[in-house]
N, C-alpha and C. Protein backbone atom coordinates (compact mmCIF):
# COMPACT_ATOMS: atom_id res chain seq x y z
N MET A 1 -8.39 -26.68 -30.79
CA MET A 1 -8.94 -25.59 -29.70
C MET A 1 -9.65 -24.11 -29.99
N LYS A 2 -10.33 -23.01 -30.41
CA LYS A 2 -10.49 -22.11 -30.73
C LYS A 2 -10.18 -21.27 -29.22
N PRO A 3 -9.64 -20.20 -30.03
CA PRO A 3 -9.22 -18.98 -30.04
C PRO A 3 -10.43 -18.46 -28.52
N ARG A 4 -9.94 -17.73 -27.41
CA ARG A 4 -10.41 -17.85 -26.27
C ARG A 4 -10.55 -15.96 -26.00
N VAL A 5 -11.56 -16.09 -25.67
CA VAL A 5 -11.98 -14.20 -25.67
C VAL A 5 -12.70 -14.26 -24.25
N ALA A 6 -12.80 -12.75 -24.20
CA ALA A 6 -12.42 -12.40 -22.69
C ALA A 6 -13.76 -10.68 -23.05
N ILE A 7 -14.85 -10.74 -22.47
CA ILE A 7 -15.64 -9.39 -22.46
C ILE A 7 -15.72 -8.13 -22.02
N TRP A 8 -15.00 -6.72 -22.47
CA TRP A 8 -14.94 -6.79 -20.70
C TRP A 8 -16.01 -5.56 -21.29
N ALA A 9 -16.99 -5.34 -20.95
CA ALA A 9 -18.27 -3.85 -20.60
C ALA A 9 -18.04 -3.28 -18.92
N ALA A 10 -18.45 -1.90 -19.48
CA ALA A 10 -18.17 -0.65 -18.71
C ALA A 10 -19.70 0.11 -19.01
N VAL A 11 -20.14 0.32 -18.24
CA VAL A 11 -20.79 2.36 -17.88
C VAL A 11 -20.84 2.56 -16.24
N SER A 12 -20.96 4.08 -16.83
CA SER A 12 -19.96 5.13 -15.42
C SER A 12 -21.18 5.02 -14.37
N THR A 13 -22.97 4.93 -14.77
CA THR A 13 -23.38 5.26 -14.23
C THR A 13 -23.93 3.78 -13.55
N PRO A 14 -25.24 3.72 -12.34
CA PRO A 14 -25.58 2.51 -12.45
C PRO A 14 -27.15 2.69 -12.52
N GLU A 15 -27.51 3.71 -13.73
CA GLU A 15 -29.12 3.55 -14.27
C GLU A 15 -28.37 2.73 -16.18
N GLN A 16 -26.85 3.24 -16.06
CA GLN A 16 -26.85 2.76 -17.33
C GLN A 16 -26.18 0.71 -17.67
N ALA A 17 -26.51 0.64 -16.68
CA ALA A 17 -26.30 -0.67 -16.52
C ALA A 17 -27.61 -1.36 -17.09
N THR A 18 -28.41 -0.37 -16.84
CA THR A 18 -29.62 -1.38 -17.71
C THR A 18 -30.09 -1.09 -19.15
N VAL A 19 -30.30 0.17 -19.02
CA VAL A 19 -30.84 0.48 -20.14
C VAL A 19 -29.99 0.13 -21.41
N ASP A 20 -31.21 0.71 -23.28
CA ASP A 20 -30.67 0.24 -24.19
C ASP A 20 -29.71 0.77 -24.77
N LYS A 21 -29.58 2.37 -24.63
CA LYS A 21 -28.75 2.67 -25.06
C LYS A 21 -26.96 1.92 -25.67
N ASP A 22 -26.54 1.62 -24.41
CA ASP A 22 -24.99 0.55 -24.07
C ASP A 22 -25.11 0.71 -22.99
N SER A 23 -25.95 -0.68 -22.32
CA SER A 23 -26.05 -0.46 -21.26
C SER A 23 -24.78 -2.27 -20.67
N LEU A 24 -24.51 -3.04 -20.09
CA LEU A 24 -23.67 -4.06 -19.87
C LEU A 24 -24.62 -5.04 -20.26
N PRO A 25 -26.09 -5.26 -20.47
CA PRO A 25 -26.55 -6.60 -21.05
C PRO A 25 -26.53 -6.53 -22.71
N GLY A 26 -26.19 -5.26 -23.70
CA GLY A 26 -26.08 -5.07 -24.37
C GLY A 26 -24.32 -4.72 -25.48
N GLN A 27 -23.92 -4.85 -24.04
CA GLN A 27 -21.99 -5.16 -24.81
C GLN A 27 -21.75 -6.52 -24.01
N ILE A 28 -22.58 -6.79 -23.57
CA ILE A 28 -22.29 -8.08 -23.63
C ILE A 28 -22.81 -9.04 -24.67
N ARG A 29 -23.57 -8.67 -25.29
CA ARG A 29 -24.47 -9.21 -25.70
C ARG A 29 -23.62 -9.01 -26.93
N ASP A 30 -23.26 -7.90 -26.79
CA ASP A 30 -22.80 -7.58 -28.79
C ASP A 30 -21.29 -8.50 -28.29
N GLY A 31 -20.81 -8.27 -27.50
CA GLY A 31 -19.05 -9.38 -27.30
C GLY A 31 -19.36 -10.74 -27.72
N GLU A 32 -20.72 -11.03 -26.86
CA GLU A 32 -20.79 -12.37 -27.55
C GLU A 32 -21.52 -12.81 -28.71
N ALA A 33 -21.77 -12.10 -29.40
CA ALA A 33 -22.36 -12.09 -30.73
C ALA A 33 -20.96 -12.11 -31.55
N TRP A 34 -19.67 -11.15 -31.37
CA TRP A 34 -18.32 -11.33 -32.20
C TRP A 34 -17.87 -12.30 -32.17
N ALA A 35 -18.37 -13.17 -30.53
CA ALA A 35 -17.45 -14.70 -30.58
C ALA A 35 -17.29 -15.35 -31.32
N GLU A 36 -19.09 -15.66 -31.49
CA GLU A 36 -19.34 -16.41 -32.41
C GLU A 36 -19.24 -16.29 -33.09
N GLU A 37 -19.26 -15.50 -33.85
CA GLU A 37 -19.37 -14.87 -35.74
C GLU A 37 -17.82 -15.42 -35.80
N ASN A 38 -16.73 -15.74 -34.91
CA ASN A 38 -15.61 -15.22 -35.54
C ASN A 38 -14.64 -16.91 -34.24
N ASN A 39 -15.64 -17.46 -33.88
CA ASN A 39 -15.64 -18.93 -33.87
C ASN A 39 -14.75 -18.84 -32.35
N TYR A 40 -14.96 -17.74 -32.18
CA TYR A 40 -14.13 -17.90 -30.59
C TYR A 40 -15.12 -18.70 -28.97
N ASP A 41 -13.97 -19.16 -28.09
CA ASP A 41 -14.93 -19.36 -26.71
C ASP A 41 -14.92 -18.08 -26.02
N VAL A 42 -16.16 -18.34 -25.16
CA VAL A 42 -16.16 -16.71 -24.61
C VAL A 42 -16.01 -17.58 -23.02
N VAL A 43 -14.69 -17.31 -22.80
CA VAL A 43 -14.15 -17.87 -21.56
C VAL A 43 -13.96 -16.32 -19.97
N ALA A 44 -14.34 -15.44 -20.05
CA ALA A 44 -15.18 -14.97 -18.69
C ALA A 44 -15.65 -13.46 -19.31
N VAL A 45 -16.43 -12.52 -18.28
CA VAL A 45 -17.35 -11.94 -19.03
C VAL A 45 -16.53 -10.69 -17.52
N TYR A 46 -15.88 -9.84 -17.71
CA TYR A 46 -15.67 -8.69 -16.54
C TYR A 46 -16.87 -7.51 -16.96
N GLU A 47 -17.05 -7.25 -15.55
CA GLU A 47 -18.68 -6.27 -15.35
C GLU A 47 -18.11 -4.91 -14.21
N VAL A 48 -17.67 -3.78 -15.23
CA VAL A 48 -17.86 -2.07 -14.18
C VAL A 48 -19.12 -1.67 -14.22
N THR A 49 -20.32 -1.72 -13.21
CA THR A 49 -21.07 -1.35 -13.61
C THR A 49 -20.52 -0.10 -12.54
N GLY A 50 -21.64 0.84 -13.12
CA GLY A 50 -21.73 2.48 -12.65
C GLY A 50 -20.02 2.80 -11.99
N HIS A 51 -19.48 3.34 -12.42
CA HIS A 51 -17.90 3.41 -12.06
C HIS A 51 -17.50 4.60 -12.85
N SER A 52 -16.95 6.14 -12.39
CA SER A 52 -16.58 6.76 -13.98
C SER A 52 -15.37 6.75 -14.36
N ARG A 53 -14.51 5.24 -13.64
CA ARG A 53 -13.23 4.93 -14.27
C ARG A 53 -12.15 6.05 -13.98
N LYS A 54 -12.05 6.59 -13.59
CA LYS A 54 -11.44 8.06 -13.75
C LYS A 54 -10.34 7.66 -13.15
N TYR A 55 -8.80 6.90 -13.48
CA TYR A 55 -8.31 6.53 -12.54
C TYR A 55 -6.80 6.87 -13.62
N ILE A 56 -5.93 7.34 -12.90
CA ILE A 56 -4.46 6.84 -12.89
C ILE A 56 -3.73 5.52 -12.90
N LYS A 57 -3.80 5.18 -12.00
CA LYS A 57 -2.94 4.20 -11.59
C LYS A 57 -4.17 3.12 -11.61
N PHE A 58 -3.44 1.62 -12.10
CA PHE A 58 -4.04 0.63 -12.02
C PHE A 58 -4.43 0.52 -11.15
N ASP A 59 -3.28 0.27 -10.05
CA ASP A 59 -4.21 -1.04 -8.96
C ASP A 59 -4.87 0.44 -8.42
N ASP A 60 -4.83 1.13 -8.48
CA ASP A 60 -6.08 2.27 -7.60
C ASP A 60 -7.56 1.51 -8.00
N ALA A 61 -7.49 1.64 -9.71
CA ALA A 61 -8.64 1.08 -9.93
C ALA A 61 -8.83 -0.82 -9.78
N ALA A 62 -7.59 -0.97 -9.61
CA ALA A 62 -8.46 -2.33 -9.59
C ALA A 62 -8.93 -2.96 -7.72
N GLU A 63 -8.26 -2.03 -7.05
CA GLU A 63 -8.63 -1.72 -5.34
C GLU A 63 -10.28 -1.44 -5.47
N ASP A 64 -10.60 -0.88 -6.47
CA ASP A 64 -12.12 0.02 -6.45
C ASP A 64 -12.86 -0.98 -7.33
N MET A 65 -12.85 -1.85 -7.98
CA MET A 65 -13.74 -1.94 -8.92
C MET A 65 -12.65 -4.40 -8.94
N PRO A 66 -13.23 -4.32 -9.12
CA PRO A 66 -12.86 -6.28 -9.29
C PRO A 66 -11.93 -6.13 -10.28
N ALA A 67 -13.26 -5.89 -10.87
CA ALA A 67 -13.03 -6.33 -12.73
C ALA A 67 -11.81 -6.40 -12.97
N TYR A 68 -10.94 -5.11 -12.79
CA TYR A 68 -9.62 -4.61 -13.44
C TYR A 68 -8.76 -5.69 -12.65
N ALA A 69 -9.25 -5.88 -10.97
CA ALA A 69 -7.46 -7.54 -10.59
C ALA A 69 -8.26 -7.98 -11.08
N GLN A 70 -9.58 -9.47 -11.19
CA GLN A 70 -9.14 -9.96 -12.07
C GLN A 70 -9.46 -10.02 -13.76
N LEU A 71 -9.07 -9.31 -14.37
CA LEU A 71 -8.77 -9.08 -15.51
C LEU A 71 -7.00 -9.26 -15.31
N GLU A 72 -6.58 -8.55 -15.00
CA GLU A 72 -4.79 -8.59 -14.71
C GLU A 72 -4.73 -10.24 -14.31
N LYS A 73 -5.30 -11.34 -12.99
CA LYS A 73 -4.76 -12.04 -12.84
C LYS A 73 -5.15 -13.03 -13.94
N ASP A 74 -6.46 -13.04 -14.66
CA ASP A 74 -6.12 -13.99 -15.81
C ASP A 74 -5.48 -13.77 -17.50
N ALA A 75 -4.70 -12.20 -17.39
CA ALA A 75 -4.05 -11.89 -18.72
C ALA A 75 -2.79 -12.99 -18.28
N THR A 76 -2.63 -12.51 -16.57
CA THR A 76 -1.14 -13.33 -16.58
C THR A 76 -1.22 -14.83 -16.66
N ASP A 77 -2.12 -15.85 -16.29
CA ASP A 77 -2.61 -17.19 -16.22
C ASP A 77 -2.44 -17.24 -17.50
N GLY A 78 -2.68 -16.76 -18.02
CA GLY A 78 -3.37 -16.61 -19.87
C GLY A 78 -4.29 -16.89 -19.88
N ALA A 79 -5.35 -16.90 -19.54
CA ALA A 79 -6.93 -17.45 -19.78
C ALA A 79 -7.42 -16.99 -21.10
N PHE A 80 -6.95 -16.12 -21.09
CA PHE A 80 -7.62 -15.43 -22.87
C PHE A 80 -6.86 -15.54 -23.93
N ASP A 81 -6.71 -15.06 -25.03
CA ASP A 81 -6.65 -14.82 -26.98
C ASP A 81 -6.15 -13.18 -27.38
N ALA A 82 -7.89 -13.03 -26.09
CA ALA A 82 -8.18 -11.44 -27.13
C ALA A 82 -9.04 -10.90 -25.57
N LEU A 83 -9.67 -9.60 -25.98
CA LEU A 83 -10.06 -9.03 -24.90
C LEU A 83 -11.10 -7.74 -25.40
N TRP A 84 -12.02 -8.24 -25.73
CA TRP A 84 -13.08 -7.66 -26.25
C TRP A 84 -13.56 -6.65 -25.37
N CYS A 85 -14.22 -5.47 -26.39
CA CYS A 85 -14.81 -4.32 -26.21
C CYS A 85 -14.78 -3.32 -26.59
N ARG A 86 -16.67 -2.35 -26.04
CA ARG A 86 -17.07 -1.64 -27.39
C ARG A 86 -16.10 -0.88 -28.15
N GLU A 87 -15.32 0.01 -27.24
CA GLU A 87 -14.61 0.42 -27.49
C GLU A 87 -13.63 0.90 -26.70
N ARG A 88 -12.46 1.59 -26.83
CA ARG A 88 -11.06 1.92 -25.77
C ARG A 88 -11.24 2.92 -24.90
N SER A 89 -12.71 3.85 -24.71
CA SER A 89 -12.68 4.23 -23.58
C SER A 89 -13.58 3.89 -22.41
N ARG A 90 -14.37 1.79 -22.81
CA ARG A 90 -14.83 1.36 -22.17
C ARG A 90 -13.65 0.97 -21.02
N LEU A 91 -12.40 0.42 -20.91
CA LEU A 91 -11.07 0.30 -20.73
C LEU A 91 -11.17 0.71 -19.81
N GLY A 92 -11.74 2.58 -19.33
CA GLY A 92 -11.13 3.63 -19.00
C GLY A 92 -11.15 5.29 -19.31
N ARG A 93 -11.04 5.53 -18.12
CA ARG A 93 -11.83 7.08 -18.88
C ARG A 93 -10.09 7.82 -18.93
N THR A 94 -8.75 7.71 -18.51
CA THR A 94 -8.39 8.63 -18.70
C THR A 94 -7.58 7.38 -19.84
N MET A 95 -6.09 8.40 -20.35
CA MET A 95 -5.90 7.84 -21.28
C MET A 95 -4.76 6.84 -20.29
N ALA A 96 -3.79 6.83 -19.20
CA ALA A 96 -3.33 6.64 -18.43
C ALA A 96 -3.79 5.38 -18.33
N LEU A 97 -5.11 5.08 -17.74
CA LEU A 97 -5.17 3.59 -17.65
C LEU A 97 -5.95 2.92 -18.45
N ILE A 98 -6.36 3.34 -19.55
CA ILE A 98 -6.71 2.25 -20.97
C ILE A 98 -5.47 2.03 -21.67
N HIS A 99 -4.48 2.90 -21.40
CA HIS A 99 -3.37 1.95 -21.92
C HIS A 99 -1.95 0.73 -21.16
N THR A 100 -2.74 1.09 -20.09
CA THR A 100 -2.68 0.26 -18.75
C THR A 100 -2.80 -1.10 -19.15
N VAL A 101 -4.45 -1.07 -19.49
CA VAL A 101 -5.00 -2.18 -19.34
C VAL A 101 -4.35 -3.11 -20.53
N GLU A 102 -4.49 -1.98 -22.03
CA GLU A 102 -3.36 -2.30 -23.15
C GLU A 102 -2.49 -3.63 -23.05
N ALA A 103 -1.65 -2.57 -22.06
CA ALA A 103 -0.37 -3.13 -21.83
C ALA A 103 -0.48 -4.29 -21.75
N ILE A 104 -1.36 -4.46 -19.90
CA ILE A 104 -1.21 -6.00 -19.33
C ILE A 104 -1.28 -6.74 -20.09
N VAL A 105 -2.66 -6.71 -20.85
CA VAL A 105 -2.94 -7.60 -21.69
C VAL A 105 -2.34 -8.31 -23.08
N ALA A 106 -1.33 -7.09 -23.64
CA ALA A 106 -0.14 -7.15 -24.22
C ALA A 106 1.15 -8.00 -23.60
N ASP A 107 1.22 -7.72 -22.71
CA ASP A 107 2.04 -8.41 -22.02
C ASP A 107 2.42 -9.75 -21.89
N ASN A 108 1.32 -10.01 -21.86
CA ASN A 108 0.56 -11.42 -21.51
C ASN A 108 0.30 -12.45 -22.94
N ASP A 109 0.66 -11.92 -24.13
CA ASP A 109 0.08 -12.50 -25.52
C ASP A 109 -1.10 -12.92 -25.81
N ALA A 110 -1.51 -11.30 -25.40
CA ALA A 110 -3.44 -11.35 -25.73
C ALA A 110 -3.80 -10.70 -26.53
N GLU A 111 -4.74 -9.77 -26.75
CA GLU A 111 -4.68 -8.72 -27.58
C GLU A 111 -5.94 -8.44 -26.73
N VAL A 112 -6.22 -6.56 -27.48
CA VAL A 112 -7.08 -5.97 -27.09
C VAL A 112 -8.08 -6.20 -28.03
N TYR A 113 -9.06 -6.51 -28.46
CA TYR A 113 -10.18 -5.91 -29.78
C TYR A 113 -11.07 -4.20 -29.84
N SER A 114 -10.89 -3.70 -30.53
CA SER A 114 -12.27 -3.21 -29.90
C SER A 114 -13.50 -3.25 -30.95
N ALA A 115 -14.04 -3.06 -30.86
CA ALA A 115 -15.12 -2.86 -31.99
C ALA A 115 -15.72 -1.84 -32.64
N LYS A 116 -15.18 -0.45 -31.64
CA LYS A 116 -15.26 0.79 -32.88
C LYS A 116 -14.70 0.93 -33.64
N THR A 117 -13.45 -0.39 -33.52
CA THR A 117 -11.62 0.73 -34.73
C THR A 117 -11.97 -1.52 -34.85
N PRO A 118 -12.22 -2.21 -35.73
CA PRO A 118 -11.96 -3.07 -35.68
C PRO A 118 -10.72 -3.85 -36.25
N HIS A 119 -10.36 -5.04 -36.21
CA HIS A 119 -9.57 -5.44 -36.88
C HIS A 119 -8.98 -7.57 -36.62
N GLU A 120 -7.82 -7.54 -37.52
CA GLU A 120 -7.83 -9.10 -37.74
C GLU A 120 -7.46 -9.47 -36.26
N ILE A 121 -7.58 -10.36 -35.59
CA ILE A 121 -7.11 -10.81 -34.07
C ILE A 121 -5.52 -11.82 -34.78
N GLY A 122 -4.74 -10.78 -34.28
CA GLY A 122 -2.86 -11.48 -34.66
C GLY A 122 -2.48 -10.63 -35.33
N LYS A 123 -3.03 -9.06 -36.47
CA LYS A 123 -2.29 -8.58 -37.08
C LYS A 123 -2.61 -6.99 -36.51
N SER A 124 -3.17 -6.79 -35.21
CA SER A 124 -2.61 -5.54 -34.01
C SER A 124 -0.85 -5.51 -34.43
N SER A 125 -0.74 -3.92 -33.79
CA SER A 125 0.67 -3.28 -33.90
C SER A 125 1.10 -3.89 -32.61
N LYS A 126 0.36 -4.37 -31.52
CA LYS A 126 0.46 -3.88 -30.23
C LYS A 126 1.83 -3.73 -30.09
């Protein structure tokens, strides 16, 4: 069975959802390309469209943005082995939220893969 990857794509403004700079489609396309290159199956795509993500508490973020709630459910269910993101700042705009997302993933035997700071899956320091 191929390893499973979930893709996290997030932008802060509705305009960024479609522009070329770092759009949602661009992030998803890059995540899918990485998965294909590394022989992973893409099992989920989480999108945060046009939201600042300036949260301290994960529960508040999950209440306002369904992608966070779905990510937590899927991680708890063991639905993926790695969560791909363009860079850690896409997971949240506060270190508290970023670290909580990373902890939820790690606590469920998966890992976050940041394209900005790549590493070999299975070799992270979790």
